[in-house]
Amino acid sequence: MRKLCVTCIIVFIQILIPVEPVTGTLRFTQVFFRHGERTPDKAFGLYNEIFPQLWPEGLGELTQSGKRQTYDLGRFLRNRYGGFISNSYNSEDITNWSSAKDRTIKSSMMCMLGLFNGSQETAVKTKMDATISYTPIPIKTIPKEKDVFLSLDGICPRRDELADQTNVDNFRNFCTSNSQIIEYLYNHTGQEFLKDPLADAAKTFKDIIPTFDTVLILYESNIFVEDWINSEFMQASIPKIRTYQFNVFKRRTERPESLRLQAGPLVDLITQNFKDYNIGLITQKMISYSGHDKSLYNLMTSIGIYDPQFENLPPYASALFMELHQNPAQIEPVIEFWYRNETSRQPYRLISSKCGNPCTLSSLVDATSEFANINFDEECKAKGSTQN
């Protein structure tokens, strides 16, 4: 009890600590954040029947809690960049990108509402009907089939081929070591592919990911319509399922070729934006990206700032701040990385194992050179493919 009370006091104190605004040397920032809490992408059993009551938003959509999380992120951005980004939206200050998923688009919209909330009422009262309390802020998207930056839904046979090679073995090992979990889920969800998952492991490992996602969402949201989801056995199994889900992404990044295809386009884009700002081709102060856990994890891994101790994918509404600072006493600008993965604490600075400290712009360019100049169409051809 004493330990719990101390923890509560610490968290309370962290909440009260004001966000320190970034001032002075900041010139340009890129912010990549994961969408807020979402509903499951699939349902099964009784949950399938009552899904509309549990989640009226629909499959894979942003929840009310997710809207609040990303709105709060926007308020955090206002506090951090209050002296840097103007109070009212100006297209010359900021550009916002999102994957084509509804949940990421809505997350970006809520984040921008939080960032510019202080100007909303004034804008409405002076220019529009007083009953309207929202000023729309544009969110740019990339078509799903072409998105190799924010969602990895863009077509890339070689990337998928490498992921399959890695994940089939990972899946076989999980099923062999955790046959009781597989059997338990089969008995309670009735999904036929779980009856003999290794009969077609190449297909089943893809089917089980959304099943595990749903189980984790139900458990973490305390939605226990059926007792089995909160049984002692399931409570003991949840950490193993989380670890498996994390390893699915982690092992995809362990082979250089796979990491290049998974993260290369995004890393190259972000690095190029820093270079372009430095030579005056970009004049805006901020670019935001609303994406997914896998994209954020791949990005952090690629630039050497993902801390192995996390052993979890980035949580909902977590954000990476990549800031270009120019100190008059320094010849070259420096890039700083800050990570916010908890709403109750300040972001903490991450030091790149590839770029060093300080991470100068030229050092970042050198550290990410393996991801530059990707001929995506050519490199994405499946091995032995005869595609033109």
Foldseek 3Di string as FASTA:
>chain_A
DVVVVVVVVVLVVQQVDFQAADDDFFFAKEKEWEFFDFAFQDDFDVCNVCVCVVAVVDHGAQDPRRLVLLLLLLLSCCRHCVVPADLADDPLAEAAEEEPDNRLVSSRFSSPCSNNVVCQQVCCVVPHDNVDRDDGDDYHYDPQCCDLAFENSHAFQALVVLLLVQQLVLVVVLCVVPVVVLVLCCVPGVDVCSVCVNVCSSPSSVVCLSVLVNLVSCVVVVPPPDPSSVDPVNVVCNVVSQLSNLVSLVRLCPDPLNLLSNALVNLQVVLVVVVCVVVPNRSHRYYYYYHHQSSVVSNCVLQAFDDPVVSGTQHHGKMKMWTWTDDPVDPFIFIWIWIGRDSSHHTDTTAHPQQGPRRTSVSSCVSSVSSPPDPRVVSSAHVVDPDD
